[in-house]
Amino acid sequence: MTAKSNVKSAADAAPQQASIVLTFDNNSHARALFGQFEQNLTLIENRLGLDVRSRGNQVSIKGDPTAAEQARRALDSLYDQLQKTGKDPEPADVQGALRMAIAADDQLQLPTMDGKENIAAAQIATRKKTIFARTPNQDKYMRALDRCELVFGVGPAGTGKTYLAVAHAAMLLERGHVERIILSRPAVEAGERLGFLPGDMKEKVDPYLRPLYDALYDMMPGEQVERALTAGLIEIAPLAFMRGRTLANAAVILDEAQNTTSMQMKMFLTRLGENGRMMVTGDPSQVDLPRGEKSGLIEALQVLEGVDGITEVRFKDVDVVRHPLVAKIVSAYDSAHGAYEAAGRGTYPRRRDKESGDAS
C-alpha cells in the first residue's frame, strides 16, 4: 500500500530544476509527517539540498530533479508507515526513509522497489511495535529472516542485526510459528565456565545477554516477557551447555558469534531441529578470543558459503542506524585496520591484537 497523496510535477524555469507538490488527504497525519516545527522537512531539505516548504496539508519540493524525486519517495513511504502504525515519524525514521529512497537511484536491486516509484520497506510487526527497514541491507536481512531457516547477520555495531533478529523471533512466537525462543551468547570473559558466579543459570548469564533482553522488552510487554521466561517459552541457554540438544520448533539466536570457537560454532549449528529457525549475529572485526584461536563465525562464513538454505547478510558502516557519529567511528576504524576489506580472506584483525598493535 502506498501513501495516499496526490503528486503534481512540473519543470521549473531554472535549468535542471524540478517542482513537486504533494497533497496529503489526512491533515493530522500530514502535520505529524512534517514534524514538530517541520523538523522532518528540514532534515530532508538539508540532506538532499532542496527547498522544501509546507502549507496546510501540502508540501512543495523544489530543486535537483533526482533529489526531488528521492524526497517524494521518502515522504510517500513515511506517510504510508504513519497510516499503518499511527506512530509519528522520528528523525531516525526519516533518515531511514531517505536511505531507502536514495538506494533506488543507486541501482540497488531490492525486492521492495516498484519501478523506483514507491518504496515498501520490509517490516516486522508484534503486538507492541512495528519495525520498518531503514537501510537496503536491513531490508535484505529482514526478508532473509522471513524466508530462510539459517541466517547470518554480519557487520559492525549499530546496524540492527541483533535487534532485528530478536524482533523476528518475538514475532514468530506471537504468531505461533515457533513454540519458544532460545537466546545464546558466548561468555568469553568468563571462559564459558560460569559455575563460580553467584545465582542460578539465568542470573549467571544475564550480564552477557542484556542486549537481547533489551530488544525483547522493546518488542513485547514486560509482563509477557517475564511470564514467558518463567514458563520456559523464552530460554537462556549458555552456549557451553547446548551440546547434545536438538532445538526443534524454536527460534534460536546466537549473538556475538565472532567469539565462538570453531568447535562451538559447529556444535551450535548442528542443534537445528525440525521447524527450527537459527539467527547468528556477530562482528568479525571484534574477536575477543585468545591469540591463536580461530573464530567459529569467520570459519563458518567460509565453509558454508553457497550452501542452499543458508543466507548471509553483510552490513557495512553505511547501515549504522544509531547516532550518526557511530557510523563515522566504524568507518574510521575500518579504514585504519582494513577489517572489512579482508572479509573474503577471513583475515579480520582481532580486537585484542588491535589494542596491542599487532596484526593477526
Protein backbone atom coordinates (compact mmCIF):
# COMPACT_ATOMS: atom_id res chain seq x y z
CA MET A 1 0.00 0.00 0.00
CA THR A 2 1.35 3.43 -0.90
CA ALA A 3 0.72 6.68 0.93
CA LYS A 4 -2.46 8.45 -0.12
CA SER A 5 -1.07 11.54 -1.77
CA ASN A 6 -1.63 13.48 -4.92
CA VAL A 7 1.55 14.30 -6.80
CA LYS A 8 1.96 17.12 -9.31
CA SER A 9 5.27 17.68 -11.05
CA ALA A 10 6.39 20.48 -13.33
CA ALA A 11 9.67 21.72 -14.74
CA ASP A 12 10.98 24.83 -13.09
CA ALA A 13 12.14 27.91 -15.00
CA ALA A 14 15.75 27.31 -13.97
CA PRO A 15 17.66 24.56 -15.81
CA GLN A 16 17.94 21.20 -14.07
CA GLN A 17 15.25 22.15 -11.57
CA ALA A 18 12.04 20.37 -10.67
CA SER A 19 8.96 21.27 -8.64
CA ILE A 20 6.84 18.61 -6.93
CA VAL A 21 3.71 19.29 -4.90
CA LEU A 22 2.36 16.59 -2.57
CA THR A 23 -1.16 16.80 -1.17
CA PHE A 24 -1.99 14.51 1.77
CA ASP A 25 -5.61 13.58 2.48
CA ASN A 26 -5.31 13.48 6.29
CA ASN A 27 -4.46 16.82 7.88
CA SER A 28 -3.43 15.44 11.27
CA HIS A 29 -1.21 12.82 9.66
CA ALA A 30 0.31 15.49 7.44
CA ARG A 31 1.23 17.59 10.49
CA ALA A 32 2.79 14.55 12.16
CA LEU A 33 4.66 13.74 8.96
CA PHE A 34 6.17 17.21 8.74
CA GLY A 35 7.29 17.01 12.38
CA GLN A 36 7.38 19.49 15.22
CA PHE A 37 8.42 22.87 13.80
CA GLU A 38 8.72 20.98 10.49
CA GLN A 39 11.89 19.26 11.69
CA ASN A 40 11.37 16.29 9.36
CA LEU A 41 11.05 18.52 6.32
CA THR A 42 14.15 20.42 7.42
CA LEU A 43 16.07 17.17 7.69
CA ILE A 44 15.06 16.18 4.14
CA GLU A 45 15.85 19.67 2.89
CA ASN A 46 19.35 19.66 4.36
CA ARG A 47 20.18 16.08 3.41
CA LEU A 48 19.18 16.46 -0.26
CA GLY A 49 19.92 20.14 -0.81
CA LEU A 50 16.34 21.05 -1.68
CA ASP A 51 13.82 23.78 -0.93
CA VAL A 52 11.02 22.03 0.99
CA ARG A 53 8.04 24.01 2.30
CA SER A 54 4.63 23.13 3.70
CA ARG A 55 1.28 24.84 3.58
CA GLY A 56 -1.64 23.16 5.29
CA ASN A 57 -1.71 19.55 4.13
CA GLN A 58 0.56 20.26 1.16
CA VAL A 59 4.31 20.23 0.79
CA SER A 60 6.27 21.65 -2.13
CA ILE A 61 9.69 20.33 -3.13
CA LYS A 62 11.99 22.30 -5.43
CA GLY A 63 15.50 21.57 -6.61
CA ASP A 64 17.52 18.96 -8.44
CA PRO A 65 15.11 16.54 -10.20
CA THR A 66 16.76 13.39 -8.83
CA ALA A 67 16.89 14.72 -5.26
CA ALA A 68 13.31 16.00 -5.50
CA GLU A 69 12.09 12.56 -6.57
CA GLN A 70 14.03 10.97 -3.71
CA ALA A 71 12.32 13.35 -1.27
CA ARG A 72 8.92 12.47 -2.75
CA ARG A 73 9.58 8.75 -2.32
CA ALA A 74 10.76 9.25 1.26
CA LEU A 75 7.71 11.36 2.24
CA ASP A 76 5.37 8.93 0.49
CA SER A 77 6.91 5.99 2.39
CA LEU A 78 6.81 7.80 5.75
CA TYR A 79 3.16 8.75 5.21
CA ASP A 80 2.33 5.13 4.41
CA GLN A 81 4.07 3.96 7.61
CA LEU A 82 2.25 6.62 9.62
CA GLN A 83 -1.11 5.41 8.32
CA LYS A 84 -0.24 1.80 9.15
CA THR A 85 1.15 2.32 12.65
CA GLY A 86 -0.28 5.64 13.84
CA LYS A 87 3.21 6.44 15.16
CA ASP A 88 4.67 9.87 14.41
CA PRO A 89 7.92 9.63 12.40
CA GLU A 90 11.10 10.32 14.33
CA PRO A 91 14.31 11.73 12.81
CA ALA A 92 15.72 8.19 12.63
CA ASP A 93 12.67 7.10 10.63
CA VAL A 94 13.20 10.00 8.23
CA GLN A 95 16.87 9.09 7.82
CA GLY A 96 15.87 5.50 7.12
CA ALA A 97 13.30 6.51 4.51
CA LEU A 98 15.90 8.72 2.82
CA ARG A 99 18.41 5.85 2.68
CA MET A 100 15.83 3.61 1.05
CA ALA A 101 14.77 6.34 -1.41
CA ILE A 102 18.36 7.10 -2.40
CA ALA A 103 19.10 3.38 -2.81
CA ALA A 104 16.60 3.20 -5.67
CA ASP A 105 18.79 5.60 -7.66
CA ASP A 106 21.95 3.73 -6.72
CA GLN A 107 20.69 0.81 -8.84
CA LEU A 108 20.40 -1.49 -5.83
CA GLN A 109 18.20 -4.46 -6.66
CA LEU A 110 15.70 -4.55 -3.82
CA PRO A 111 12.52 -6.61 -3.80
CA THR A 112 10.81 -3.62 -2.20
CA MET A 113 11.36 -1.28 -5.14
CA ASP A 114 8.48 -0.91 -7.58
CA GLY A 115 9.94 0.76 -10.65
CA LYS A 116 11.72 3.24 -8.33
CA GLU A 117 8.37 4.96 -7.83
CA ASN A 118 7.35 3.61 -4.46
CA ILE A 119 9.14 2.06 -1.52
CA ALA A 120 7.52 -0.64 0.61
CA ALA A 121 10.17 -1.35 3.25
CA ALA A 122 10.24 -4.78 4.83
CA GLN A 123 8.68 -4.84 8.28
CA ILE A 124 8.49 -6.88 11.47
CA ALA A 125 5.29 -6.45 13.47
CA THR A 126 4.48 -7.58 17.00
CA ARG A 127 1.57 -6.56 19.22
CA LYS A 128 3.71 -3.88 20.82
CA LYS A 129 5.75 -2.49 17.95
CA THR A 130 6.22 -2.42 14.18
CA ILE A 131 9.71 -2.00 12.73
CA PHE A 132 10.42 -0.94 9.16
CA ALA A 133 13.74 -1.45 7.37
CA ARG A 134 15.87 1.69 7.46
CA THR A 135 18.63 0.63 5.07
CA PRO A 136 18.77 -1.59 1.98
CA ASN A 137 20.76 -4.22 3.88
CA GLN A 138 18.24 -4.19 6.72
CA ASP A 139 15.56 -4.79 4.12
CA LYS A 140 17.53 -7.73 2.71
CA TYR A 141 18.15 -9.09 6.23
CA MET A 142 14.51 -8.88 7.32
CA ARG A 143 13.37 -10.68 4.18
CA ALA A 144 16.05 -13.34 4.66
CA LEU A 145 14.86 -13.93 8.23
CA ASP A 146 11.37 -14.48 6.90
CA ARG A 147 12.49 -16.78 4.10
CA CYS A 148 15.43 -18.84 5.39
CA GLU A 149 15.95 -21.27 8.27
CA LEU A 150 19.52 -20.17 8.96
CA VAL A 151 20.63 -16.56 8.56
CA PHE A 152 23.98 -14.96 9.36
CA GLY A 153 23.85 -11.22 10.10
CA VAL A 154 27.42 -9.94 9.99
CA GLY A 155 28.69 -6.42 10.44
CA PRO A 156 29.58 -3.54 12.75
CA ALA A 157 27.76 -2.38 15.86
CA GLY A 158 24.65 -0.28 15.44
CA THR A 159 23.36 -1.86 12.22
CA GLY A 160 20.40 -3.56 13.90
CA LYS A 161 21.43 -7.15 13.20
CA THR A 162 20.78 -8.42 16.74
CA TYR A 163 17.76 -6.20 17.40
CA LEU A 164 16.03 -7.33 14.20
CA ALA A 165 16.79 -10.99 14.92
CA VAL A 166 15.16 -10.73 18.36
CA ALA A 167 12.22 -8.81 16.88
CA HIS A 168 11.70 -11.52 14.26
CA ALA A 169 11.88 -14.25 16.91
CA ALA A 170 9.30 -12.41 19.04
CA MET A 171 7.00 -12.14 16.02
CA LEU A 172 7.34 -15.87 15.29
CA LEU A 173 6.50 -16.72 18.90
CA GLU A 174 3.46 -14.43 19.00
CA ARG A 175 2.10 -15.86 15.76
CA GLY A 176 2.60 -19.45 16.89
CA HIS A 177 5.14 -20.30 14.21
CA VAL A 178 7.57 -21.46 16.91
CA GLU A 179 6.98 -22.70 20.45
CA ARG A 180 9.90 -20.95 22.14
CA ILE A 181 12.79 -18.54 21.81
CA ILE A 182 16.28 -19.58 22.82
CA LEU A 183 18.91 -16.91 23.42
CA SER A 184 22.60 -17.78 23.50
CA ARG A 185 25.83 -15.86 23.62
CA PRO A 186 29.41 -16.94 24.32
CA ALA A 187 30.61 -15.68 27.69
CA VAL A 188 34.21 -15.18 26.65
CA GLU A 189 35.16 -13.09 29.68
CA ALA A 190 34.19 -15.97 32.00
CA GLY A 191 35.85 -18.58 29.81
CA GLU A 192 32.44 -20.29 29.46
CA ARG A 193 32.96 -21.62 32.99
CA LEU A 194 30.06 -19.95 34.74
CA GLY A 195 29.80 -22.18 37.81
CA PHE A 196 31.75 -19.87 40.10
CA LEU A 197 29.35 -16.97 39.52
CA PRO A 198 26.60 -16.49 42.13
CA GLY A 199 22.92 -17.17 41.39
CA ASP A 200 21.02 -19.54 39.14
CA MET A 201 21.81 -20.08 35.46
CA LYS A 202 19.71 -17.11 34.32
CA GLU A 203 21.47 -14.80 36.77
CA LYS A 204 24.90 -16.10 35.72
CA VAL A 205 24.49 -15.24 32.05
CA ASP A 206 22.20 -12.19 32.31
CA PRO A 207 25.07 -9.68 32.00
CA TYR A 208 26.11 -11.21 28.68
CA LEU A 209 22.56 -11.34 27.30
CA ARG A 210 21.45 -7.85 28.31
CA PRO A 211 21.27 -6.55 24.70
CA LEU A 212 18.97 -9.45 23.80
CA TYR A 213 16.75 -8.76 26.80
CA ASP A 214 16.54 -5.08 25.90
CA ALA A 215 15.32 -5.95 22.41
CA LEU A 216 12.77 -8.42 23.81
CA TYR A 217 11.29 -5.86 26.17
CA ASP A 218 11.12 -3.40 23.29
CA MET A 219 9.07 -5.84 21.21
CA MET A 220 6.90 -7.46 23.91
CA PRO A 221 5.16 -6.14 27.06
CA GLY A 222 7.35 -6.59 30.14
CA GLU A 223 4.90 -8.84 31.97
CA GLN A 224 4.63 -11.05 28.88
CA VAL A 225 8.41 -11.43 28.74
CA GLU A 226 8.53 -12.34 32.45
CA ARG A 227 5.76 -14.93 32.07
CA ALA A 228 7.48 -16.41 29.02
CA LEU A 229 10.78 -16.68 30.91
CA THR A 230 9.06 -18.38 33.84
CA ALA A 231 7.18 -20.79 31.59
CA GLY A 232 10.24 -21.61 29.52
CA LEU A 233 8.86 -20.07 26.33
CA ILE A 234 11.92 -17.83 26.35
CA GLU A 235 15.01 -19.75 27.42
CA ILE A 236 18.51 -18.64 28.30
CA ALA A 237 20.90 -21.27 27.01
CA PRO A 238 24.62 -20.70 27.60
CA LEU A 239 26.49 -21.87 24.55
CA ALA A 240 28.68 -24.23 26.56
CA PHE A 241 25.60 -26.14 27.79
CA MET A 242 23.83 -26.69 24.45
CA ARG A 243 25.73 -29.80 23.39
CA GLY A 244 23.52 -32.82 22.79
CA ARG A 245 20.29 -30.87 22.41
CA THR A 246 18.00 -30.78 19.38
CA LEU A 247 16.31 -27.40 19.10
CA ALA A 248 13.02 -28.12 17.32
CA ASN A 249 10.10 -25.69 16.96
CA ALA A 250 12.30 -22.90 18.24
CA ALA A 251 13.73 -19.57 17.13
CA VAL A 252 17.36 -19.71 18.24
CA ILE A 253 19.62 -16.66 18.35
CA LEU A 254 23.39 -16.79 18.77
CA ASP A 255 24.74 -13.30 19.40
CA GLU A 256 28.38 -12.17 19.44
CA ALA A 257 29.15 -15.27 17.36
CA GLN A 258 32.62 -13.98 16.44
CA ASN A 259 33.68 -15.12 19.92
CA THR A 260 32.76 -18.77 19.36
CA THR A 261 35.46 -21.29 18.64
CA SER A 262 35.32 -23.48 15.56
CA MET A 263 34.04 -26.45 17.60
CA GLN A 264 31.42 -24.35 19.38
CA MET A 265 30.04 -22.97 16.13
CA LYS A 266 29.77 -26.42 14.54
CA MET A 267 28.10 -27.74 17.69
CA PHE A 268 25.60 -24.87 17.70
CA LEU A 269 24.68 -25.06 14.03
CA THR A 270 24.06 -28.81 14.25
CA ARG A 271 21.48 -28.27 17.02
CA LEU A 272 18.92 -27.10 14.41
CA GLY A 273 15.81 -29.25 14.66
CA GLU A 274 12.51 -29.66 12.83
CA ASN A 275 10.66 -26.36 12.27
CA GLY A 276 13.59 -24.53 13.80
CA ARG A 277 14.97 -21.13 12.86
CA MET A 278 18.50 -20.01 13.60
CA MET A 279 19.86 -16.47 13.57
CA VAL A 280 23.59 -15.94 14.02
CA THR A 281 24.89 -12.41 14.52
CA GLY A 282 28.36 -11.06 15.04
CA ASP A 283 31.10 -8.63 14.06
CA PRO A 284 34.20 -10.40 12.73
CA SER A 285 36.29 -7.30 13.41
CA GLN A 286 35.66 -7.57 17.15
CA VAL A 287 37.06 -11.00 18.04
CA ASP A 288 37.91 -11.39 21.74
CA LEU A 289 39.22 -14.95 21.60
CA PRO A 290 42.75 -15.65 22.80
CA ARG A 291 45.53 -15.25 20.24
CA GLY A 292 45.78 -18.32 18.01
CA GLU A 293 42.12 -19.33 18.48
CA LYS A 294 40.20 -19.25 15.21
CA SER A 295 36.81 -17.55 15.21
CA GLY A 296 34.00 -20.01 14.55
CA LEU A 297 31.98 -17.30 12.82
CA ILE A 298 34.70 -16.43 10.32
CA GLU A 299 35.25 -20.11 9.56
CA ALA A 300 31.52 -20.80 9.18
CA LEU A 301 31.10 -17.95 6.70
CA GLN A 302 33.81 -19.52 4.56
CA VAL A 303 32.78 -23.17 4.92
CA LEU A 304 29.05 -22.62 4.40
CA GLU A 305 29.28 -20.16 1.53
CA GLY A 306 26.90 -21.20 -1.23
CA VAL A 307 25.03 -23.82 0.81
CA ASP A 308 21.33 -23.83 -0.11
CA GLY A 309 19.03 -22.68 2.68
CA ILE A 310 21.69 -20.56 4.37
CA THR A 311 21.79 -16.80 3.82
CA GLU A 312 24.48 -14.33 4.82
CA VAL A 313 23.73 -10.62 5.01
CA ARG A 314 26.78 -8.43 5.43
CA PHE A 315 26.23 -4.99 6.93
CA LYS A 316 28.56 -2.02 6.48
CA ASP A 317 29.17 1.29 8.20
CA VAL A 318 26.53 2.94 5.98
CA ASP A 319 23.94 0.66 7.63
CA VAL A 320 24.57 2.03 11.12
CA VAL A 321 21.27 3.39 12.44
CA ARG A 322 22.44 4.64 15.83
CA HIS A 323 23.84 8.12 16.39
CA PRO A 324 25.42 9.47 13.16
CA LEU A 325 28.80 9.55 14.91
CA VAL A 326 28.71 5.75 15.27
CA ALA A 327 28.84 5.31 11.50
CA LYS A 328 31.81 7.70 11.31
CA ILE A 329 33.59 5.85 14.12
CA VAL A 330 33.07 2.48 12.41
CA SER A 331 34.26 3.88 9.10
CA ALA A 332 37.38 5.37 10.69
CA TYR A 333 38.30 2.07 12.36
CA ASP A 334 37.69 0.12 9.16
CA SER A 335 39.93 2.46 7.24
CA ALA A 336 42.67 2.11 9.83
CA HIS A 337 42.58 -1.67 10.12
CA GLY A 338 41.17 -2.82 6.79
CA ALA A 339 38.82 -5.14 8.66
CA TYR A 340 36.07 -5.50 6.14
CA GLU A 341 38.26 -5.36 3.05
CA ALA A 342 39.83 -8.58 4.35
CA ALA A 343 36.47 -10.30 4.90
CA GLY A 344 36.74 -12.56 1.88
CA ARG A 345 40.09 -13.89 3.07
CA GLY A 346 38.92 -14.36 6.64
CA THR A 347 41.78 -12.24 7.97
CA TYR A 348 39.84 -9.87 10.19
CA PRO A 349 42.13 -8.36 12.82
CA ARG A 350 41.29 -9.39 16.35
CA ARG A 351 40.30 -6.70 18.80
CA ARG A 352 42.96 -7.79 21.25
CA ASP A 353 45.57 -7.64 18.51
CA LYS A 354 44.41 -4.14 17.56
CA GLU A 355 44.81 -2.98 21.13
CA SER A 356 48.32 -4.42 21.35
CA GLY A 357 49.24 -3.01 17.94
CA ASP A 358 49.85 -6.47 16.42
CA ALA A 359 48.31 -7.81 13.21
CA SER A 360 46.53 -11.15 13.30
